Amino acid sequence: MELLRLAHERGCEAELAEALSESLDAGEVPDLRALAERFAPDPERLPEVVVRLAPLSDYEALIETAQGEAA
């Protein structure tokens, strides 16, 4: 199950299948931890994401507007 999750989340189905085949051909049991590290995203290439939340007063204004239109 973990291998399927790893393949799906990291988008590495073909590469993971190849690594698994190599392990099995060598008579080894695949090491899930090593595979997770191998296919982990490169922290240097991850985008920086900044989330700016709107003030609650904006939401309150929307609610008041919606309530005024419903009346």
N, C-alpha and C. Protein backbone atom coordinates (compact mmCIF):
# COMPACT_ATOMS: atom_id res chain seq x y z
N MET A 1 0.82 -1.19 0.00
CA MET A 1 0.00 0.00 0.00
C MET A 1 0.87 1.26 0.00
N GLU A 2 1.92 1.26 0.82
CA GLU A 2 2.80 2.42 0.90
C GLU A 2 3.51 2.68 -0.42
N LEU A 3 3.86 1.62 -1.13
CA LEU A 3 4.52 1.79 -2.43
C LEU A 3 3.58 2.45 -3.43
N LEU A 4 2.32 2.06 -3.40
CA LEU A 4 1.34 2.68 -4.31
C LEU A 4 1.16 4.16 -3.98
N ARG A 5 1.10 4.47 -2.68
CA ARG A 5 0.96 5.86 -2.25
C ARG A 5 2.18 6.68 -2.69
N LEU A 6 3.36 6.10 -2.49
CA LEU A 6 4.59 6.78 -2.89
C LEU A 6 4.59 7.07 -4.38
N ALA A 7 4.24 6.09 -5.18
CA ALA A 7 4.22 6.26 -6.63
C ALA A 7 3.22 7.33 -7.04
N HIS A 8 2.06 7.33 -6.43
CA HIS A 8 1.02 8.30 -6.78
C HIS A 8 1.40 9.71 -6.34
N GLU A 9 1.81 9.86 -5.08
CA GLU A 9 2.10 11.19 -4.54
C GLU A 9 3.31 11.84 -5.20
N ARG A 10 4.29 11.05 -5.56
CA ARG A 10 5.51 11.61 -6.13
C ARG A 10 5.52 11.59 -7.66
N GLY A 11 4.51 10.95 -8.25
CA GLY A 11 4.43 10.89 -9.71
C GLY A 11 5.62 10.18 -10.34
N CYS A 12 6.02 9.08 -9.69
CA CYS A 12 7.24 8.39 -10.15
C CYS A 12 6.96 6.91 -10.43
N GLU A 13 5.80 6.63 -10.99
CA GLU A 13 5.40 5.24 -11.18
C GLU A 13 6.42 4.43 -11.95
N ALA A 14 6.86 4.94 -13.11
CA ALA A 14 7.78 4.18 -13.96
C ALA A 14 9.14 4.02 -13.28
N GLU A 15 9.65 5.09 -12.68
CA GLU A 15 10.96 5.03 -12.03
C GLU A 15 10.92 4.11 -10.82
N LEU A 16 9.83 4.15 -10.08
CA LEU A 16 9.69 3.28 -8.92
C LEU A 16 9.58 1.83 -9.35
N ALA A 17 8.85 1.56 -10.41
CA ALA A 17 8.73 0.19 -10.92
C ALA A 17 10.11 -0.34 -11.32
N GLU A 18 10.91 0.50 -11.93
CA GLU A 18 12.26 0.09 -12.33
C GLU A 18 13.11 -0.21 -11.09
N ALA A 19 13.04 0.64 -10.09
CA ALA A 19 13.82 0.43 -8.86
C ALA A 19 13.37 -0.85 -8.16
N LEU A 20 12.07 -1.10 -8.14
CA LEU A 20 11.56 -2.33 -7.53
C LEU A 20 12.04 -3.56 -8.29
N SER A 21 12.00 -3.49 -9.60
CA SER A 21 12.47 -4.62 -10.41
C SER A 21 13.94 -4.90 -10.15
N GLU A 22 14.74 -3.85 -10.05
CA GLU A 22 16.18 -4.02 -9.78
C GLU A 22 16.39 -4.69 -8.42
N SER A 23 15.64 -4.27 -7.41
CA SER A 23 15.77 -4.87 -6.08
C SER A 23 15.38 -6.34 -6.12
N LEU A 24 14.25 -6.62 -6.74
CA LEU A 24 13.77 -8.00 -6.78
C LEU A 24 14.69 -8.89 -7.62
N ASP A 25 15.21 -8.36 -8.72
CA ASP A 25 16.15 -9.13 -9.54
C ASP A 25 17.43 -9.45 -8.78
N ALA A 26 17.82 -8.56 -7.88
CA ALA A 26 19.01 -8.77 -7.06
C ALA A 26 18.72 -9.66 -5.86
N GLY A 27 17.47 -10.10 -5.71
CA GLY A 27 17.09 -10.96 -4.60
C GLY A 27 16.92 -10.20 -3.30
N GLU A 28 16.72 -8.90 -3.38
CA GLU A 28 16.58 -8.07 -2.19
C GLU A 28 15.12 -7.69 -1.98
N VAL A 29 14.79 -7.45 -0.72
CA VAL A 29 13.47 -6.94 -0.38
C VAL A 29 13.55 -5.42 -0.51
N PRO A 30 12.62 -4.80 -1.24
CA PRO A 30 12.68 -3.33 -1.38
C PRO A 30 12.63 -2.63 -0.03
N ASP A 31 13.45 -1.62 0.14
CA ASP A 31 13.52 -0.82 1.36
C ASP A 31 12.65 0.42 1.16
N LEU A 32 11.49 0.41 1.79
CA LEU A 32 10.53 1.50 1.60
C LEU A 32 11.12 2.85 2.02
N ARG A 33 11.84 2.88 3.12
CA ARG A 33 12.43 4.14 3.60
C ARG A 33 13.44 4.68 2.58
N ALA A 34 14.28 3.80 2.05
CA ALA A 34 15.27 4.24 1.06
C ALA A 34 14.60 4.71 -0.22
N LEU A 35 13.53 4.04 -0.63
CA LEU A 35 12.81 4.45 -1.83
C LEU A 35 12.11 5.79 -1.62
N ALA A 36 11.55 6.00 -0.42
CA ALA A 36 10.90 7.28 -0.12
C ALA A 36 11.92 8.41 -0.18
N GLU A 37 13.12 8.18 0.35
CA GLU A 37 14.17 9.20 0.30
C GLU A 37 14.63 9.43 -1.14
N ARG A 38 14.75 8.36 -1.89
CA ARG A 38 15.22 8.47 -3.29
C ARG A 38 14.26 9.30 -4.14
N PHE A 39 12.97 9.13 -3.90
CA PHE A 39 11.98 9.82 -4.73
C PHE A 39 11.37 11.03 -4.03
N ALA A 40 11.99 11.46 -2.95
CA ALA A 40 11.50 12.65 -2.25
C ALA A 40 11.79 13.89 -3.10
N PRO A 41 10.95 14.91 -3.00
CA PRO A 41 11.22 16.13 -3.75
C PRO A 41 12.47 16.83 -3.23
N ASP A 42 13.16 17.50 -4.12
CA ASP A 42 14.36 18.25 -3.76
C ASP A 42 13.93 19.53 -3.05
N PRO A 43 14.30 19.70 -1.78
CA PRO A 43 13.86 20.91 -1.05
C PRO A 43 14.30 22.21 -1.71
N GLU A 44 15.39 22.18 -2.44
CA GLU A 44 15.88 23.38 -3.12
C GLU A 44 14.98 23.78 -4.29
N ARG A 45 14.21 22.84 -4.81
CA ARG A 45 13.38 23.11 -5.98
C ARG A 45 11.91 23.33 -5.62
N LEU A 46 11.58 23.24 -4.35
CA LEU A 46 10.20 23.46 -3.93
C LEU A 46 9.88 24.95 -3.98
N PRO A 47 8.72 25.30 -4.48
CA PRO A 47 8.36 26.72 -4.54
C PRO A 47 8.05 27.27 -3.15
N GLU A 48 8.32 28.53 -2.98
CA GLU A 48 7.94 29.19 -1.74
C GLU A 48 6.52 29.71 -1.91
N VAL A 49 5.66 29.34 -1.00
CA VAL A 49 4.26 29.73 -1.09
C VAL A 49 3.92 30.66 0.07
N VAL A 50 3.41 31.81 -0.26
CA VAL A 50 2.99 32.77 0.76
C VAL A 50 1.48 32.90 0.68
N VAL A 51 0.82 32.67 1.79
CA VAL A 51 -0.63 32.76 1.84
C VAL A 51 -1.00 33.96 2.67
N ARG A 52 -1.75 34.85 2.07
CA ARG A 52 -2.21 36.03 2.80
C ARG A 52 -3.72 35.89 3.02
N LEU A 53 -4.09 35.83 4.25
CA LEU A 53 -5.50 35.68 4.58
C LEU A 53 -6.17 37.04 4.64
N ALA A 54 -7.39 37.06 4.17
CA ALA A 54 -8.17 38.31 4.22
C ALA A 54 -8.60 38.55 5.66
N PRO A 55 -8.75 39.81 6.04
CA PRO A 55 -9.22 40.09 7.39
C PRO A 55 -10.66 39.60 7.57
N LEU A 56 -11.00 39.22 8.78
CA LEU A 56 -12.34 38.71 9.06
C LEU A 56 -13.42 39.74 8.75
N SER A 57 -13.07 41.01 8.84
CA SER A 57 -14.06 42.05 8.55
C SER A 57 -14.54 41.96 7.10
N ASP A 58 -13.69 41.51 6.19
CA ASP A 58 -14.12 41.33 4.80
C ASP A 58 -15.21 40.27 4.70
N TYR A 59 -15.04 39.19 5.44
CA TYR A 59 -16.05 38.13 5.43
C TYR A 59 -17.35 38.62 6.06
N GLU A 60 -17.22 39.37 7.12
CA GLU A 60 -18.41 39.92 7.76
C GLU A 60 -19.17 40.83 6.80
N ALA A 61 -18.45 41.63 6.02
CA ALA A 61 -19.09 42.51 5.04
C ALA A 61 -19.82 41.69 3.98
N LEU A 62 -19.22 40.59 3.55
CA LEU A 62 -19.87 39.72 2.58
C LEU A 62 -21.17 39.13 3.14
N ILE A 63 -21.11 38.70 4.38
CA ILE A 63 -22.30 38.12 5.02
C ILE A 63 -23.40 39.18 5.13
N GLU A 64 -23.04 40.37 5.53
CA GLU A 64 -24.02 41.44 5.67
C GLU A 64 -24.64 41.78 4.31
N THR A 65 -23.81 41.80 3.26
CA THR A 65 -24.32 42.08 1.92
C THR A 65 -25.29 40.98 1.48
N ALA A 66 -24.92 39.73 1.73
CA ALA A 66 -25.77 38.61 1.34
C ALA A 66 -27.09 38.64 2.12
N GLN A 67 -27.03 38.98 3.37
CA GLN A 67 -28.25 39.03 4.18
C GLN A 67 -29.14 40.18 3.71
N GLY A 68 -28.53 41.29 3.30
CA GLY A 68 -29.31 42.43 2.81
C GLY A 68 -29.99 42.09 1.49
N GLU A 69 -29.35 41.30 0.63
CA GLU A 69 -29.94 40.92 -0.65
C GLU A 69 -31.04 39.90 -0.48
N ALA A 70 -30.94 39.09 0.57
CA ALA A 70 -31.94 38.04 0.82
C ALA A 70 -33.24 38.63 1.39
N ALA A 71 -33.12 39.79 1.98
CA ALA A 71 -34.31 40.38 2.61
C ALA A 71 -35.26 41.01 1.62
